[in-house]
Amino acid sequence: MLNNFIQLIDEPNRSACIAMYNDHKERFDAAPGSLTKHQAWTGGYIHHLEETMDIGAGLYKMMDNFRQLDFTLSDVMLILFLHDLEKPFRYVEPKQEFHFEEEKKKFIDSMVHKYGIVLTDNHKNALTYIHGEGNEHNPTERIQKPLAAFVHICDVASARIWFDFPKRV
């Protein structure tokens, strides 16, 4: 199913994402979505990605029909594919440690660069703020742009509403 969602990403990023997944397939497929909060089982990382992308595809169609969005479905799929990229490297041996959010960001940036993924300013904003604005919230300035807010909704739905789906028995 993940491959079907990756196919929705425009080139050249589609090929780069396929190459990244293929190069790290064992690690991606083994990683949990988190240690305790969502999809916290072997393979949960892929379940989380697939679910966020599935939510994104359905929500995109509905919202774009309601009022045209200023980003594409390809943009949504790309950011959702990349948004927790450190997790397979953090949770699967040999593990890398990420003590600070900035270390996670640098790792994701290095992987984006390594695979030649082309990010617009809008993509960069979405990757930075997919988990919310945090301490950067500003009452007078819009920090989280529309694409970032959209993928945040998809991530929150998977991680906080359907955190145990599809639960391994």
Protein backbone atom coordinates (compact mmCIF):
# COMPACT_ATOMS: atom_id res chain seq x y z
CA MET A 1 0.00 0.00 0.00
CA LEU A 2 2.86 2.43 0.77
CA ASN A 3 4.09 2.09 -2.80
CA ASN A 4 0.66 3.14 -4.09
CA PHE A 5 0.86 6.35 -2.06
CA ILE A 6 4.44 7.02 -3.16
CA GLN A 7 3.22 6.78 -6.76
CA LEU A 8 1.12 9.90 -6.05
CA ILE A 9 4.32 11.95 -5.53
CA ASP A 10 5.47 13.90 -8.58
CA GLU A 11 8.86 13.26 -10.14
CA PRO A 12 11.70 13.64 -9.42
CA ASN A 13 10.73 13.18 -5.77
CA ARG A 14 8.80 9.96 -6.43
CA SER A 15 11.91 8.13 -7.66
CA ALA A 16 13.96 9.55 -4.78
CA CYS A 17 11.42 8.34 -2.20
CA ILE A 18 11.30 4.89 -3.83
CA ALA A 19 15.10 4.70 -3.75
CA MET A 20 15.18 5.78 -0.09
CA TYR A 21 12.56 3.19 0.88
CA ASN A 22 14.28 0.43 -1.10
CA ASP A 23 17.69 1.27 0.40
CA HIS A 24 16.30 1.08 3.95
CA LYS A 25 13.37 -1.31 3.49
CA GLU A 26 14.28 -3.69 6.32
CA ARG A 27 14.70 -0.81 8.74
CA PHE A 28 11.48 0.92 7.60
CA ASP A 29 9.46 -2.30 7.78
CA ALA A 30 10.75 -3.21 11.27
CA ALA A 31 10.38 0.16 12.97
CA PRO A 32 7.55 0.96 15.37
CA GLY A 33 5.56 4.15 14.86
CA SER A 34 6.65 5.24 18.33
CA LEU A 35 7.82 3.57 21.52
CA THR A 36 4.50 3.92 23.38
CA LYS A 37 2.00 6.42 21.96
CA HIS A 38 1.01 5.28 18.47
CA GLN A 39 1.49 2.23 16.26
CA ALA A 40 4.01 1.03 18.86
CA TRP A 41 4.74 -2.40 17.40
CA THR A 42 7.13 -3.88 14.88
CA GLY A 43 6.00 -2.54 11.51
CA GLY A 44 3.98 0.25 13.10
CA TYR A 45 6.05 2.91 11.34
CA ILE A 46 4.81 1.73 7.94
CA HIS A 47 1.26 1.45 9.31
CA HIS A 48 1.49 5.04 10.53
CA LEU A 49 2.82 6.29 7.18
CA GLU A 50 0.15 4.42 5.24
CA GLU A 51 -2.59 5.65 7.52
CA THR A 52 -1.50 9.29 7.42
CA MET A 53 -1.26 9.07 3.63
CA ASP A 54 -4.67 7.40 3.38
CA ILE A 55 -6.21 10.10 5.56
CA GLY A 56 -4.38 12.70 3.48
CA ALA A 57 -5.71 11.34 0.18
CA GLY A 58 -9.32 11.25 1.38
CA LEU A 59 -9.19 14.57 3.19
CA TYR A 60 -7.47 16.27 0.26
CA LYS A 61 -10.19 15.26 -2.16
CA MET A 62 -12.94 16.40 0.18
CA MET A 63 -11.35 19.71 1.14
CA ASP A 64 -10.20 20.57 -2.38
CA ASN A 65 -13.76 20.00 -3.63
CA PHE A 66 -15.09 22.24 -0.87
CA ARG A 67 -12.57 25.02 -1.50
CA GLN A 68 -9.49 24.76 -3.72
CA LEU A 69 -6.32 24.10 -1.75
CA ASP A 70 -3.10 25.94 -2.56
CA PHE A 71 -0.99 22.76 -2.54
CA THR A 72 -1.17 19.46 -4.37
CA LEU A 73 -1.85 15.90 -3.31
CA SER A 74 1.75 15.19 -4.33
CA ASP A 75 2.90 17.78 -1.76
CA VAL A 76 0.84 16.06 0.93
CA MET A 77 2.19 12.58 0.12
CA LEU A 78 5.79 13.79 0.04
CA ILE A 79 5.63 15.46 3.43
CA LEU A 80 3.81 12.54 5.03
CA PHE A 81 6.40 10.13 3.65
CA LEU A 82 9.24 12.22 5.12
CA HIS A 83 7.69 13.49 8.35
CA ASP A 84 8.98 10.82 10.80
CA LEU A 85 11.98 9.72 8.75
CA GLU A 86 14.28 9.53 11.76
CA LYS A 87 12.22 6.82 13.46
CA PRO A 88 13.51 3.77 11.55
CA PHE A 89 17.04 4.95 12.35
CA ARG A 90 16.20 5.79 15.95
CA TYR A 91 14.34 2.57 16.84
CA VAL A 92 16.02 -0.15 14.75
CA GLU A 93 19.57 -1.46 15.24
CA PRO A 94 22.06 -0.05 14.67
CA LYS A 95 20.31 2.82 16.39
CA GLN A 96 21.12 6.49 16.04
CA GLU A 97 20.40 8.81 18.93
CA PHE A 98 18.52 12.05 18.50
CA HIS A 99 18.53 14.05 21.73
CA PHE A 100 17.05 17.26 20.37
CA GLU A 101 14.51 18.19 17.71
CA GLU A 102 17.27 19.99 15.82
CA GLU A 103 19.18 16.70 15.50
CA LYS A 104 16.10 15.04 13.96
CA LYS A 105 15.71 17.96 11.55
CA LYS A 106 19.38 17.79 10.51
CA PHE A 107 19.07 14.04 9.92
CA ILE A 108 15.96 14.43 7.77
CA ASP A 109 17.63 17.30 5.88
CA SER A 110 20.69 15.12 5.24
CA MET A 111 18.53 12.29 3.88
CA VAL A 112 16.58 14.71 1.69
CA HIS A 113 19.89 16.00 0.33
CA LYS A 114 21.41 12.52 -0.08
CA TYR A 115 18.47 11.33 -2.19
CA GLY A 116 18.12 14.56 -4.18
CA ILE A 117 14.61 15.32 -2.96
CA VAL A 118 13.56 18.78 -4.10
CA LEU A 119 11.75 20.77 -1.42
CA THR A 120 10.00 24.08 -1.88
CA ASP A 121 9.75 26.63 0.93
CA ASN A 122 6.20 25.37 1.46
CA HIS A 123 7.50 21.79 1.88
CA LYS A 124 10.17 22.95 4.32
CA ASN A 125 7.57 24.78 6.40
CA ALA A 126 5.37 21.66 6.43
CA LEU A 127 8.23 19.41 7.54
CA THR A 128 9.18 21.87 10.27
CA TYR A 129 5.65 22.35 11.63
CA ILE A 130 3.87 19.04 10.92
CA HIS A 131 3.90 18.37 14.66
CA GLY A 132 2.64 21.88 15.46
CA GLU A 133 4.21 25.26 16.11
CA GLY A 134 5.35 24.44 19.64
CA ASN A 135 7.33 27.24 21.23
CA GLU A 136 7.34 29.17 17.96
CA HIS A 137 3.62 29.98 18.21
CA ASN A 138 3.05 33.66 17.56
CA PRO A 139 -0.32 35.35 18.17
CA THR A 140 0.18 37.80 15.27
CA GLU A 141 2.15 35.79 12.68
CA ARG A 142 1.07 32.66 10.80
CA ILE A 143 3.88 30.19 11.47
CA GLN A 144 2.25 26.95 10.29
CA LYS A 145 1.23 27.44 6.66
CA PRO A 146 -1.72 25.61 5.05
CA LEU A 147 0.23 22.53 3.87
CA ALA A 148 1.78 22.17 7.33
CA ALA A 149 -1.64 22.47 8.99
CA PHE A 150 -3.13 19.91 6.61
CA VAL A 151 -0.44 17.26 7.19
CA HIS A 152 -0.61 18.01 10.93
CA ILE A 153 -4.31 17.03 10.86
CA CYS A 154 -3.43 13.74 9.11
CA ASP A 155 -0.64 12.96 11.58
CA VAL A 156 -2.73 13.80 14.64
CA ALA A 157 -5.65 11.65 13.44
CA SER A 158 -3.39 8.63 13.03
CA ALA A 159 -1.31 9.17 16.17
CA ARG A 160 -4.03 10.33 18.57
CA ILE A 161 -7.35 8.97 17.31
CA TRP A 162 -6.40 5.65 15.66
CA PHE A 163 -3.14 5.14 17.58
CA ASP A 164 -3.73 1.39 17.91
CA PHE A 165 -4.85 0.63 14.36
CA PRO A 166 -4.11 -1.88 12.96
CA LYS A 167 -3.14 -3.30 16.30
CA ARG A 168 -1.07 -6.45 16.24
CA VAL A 169 -2.63 -9.28 18.24
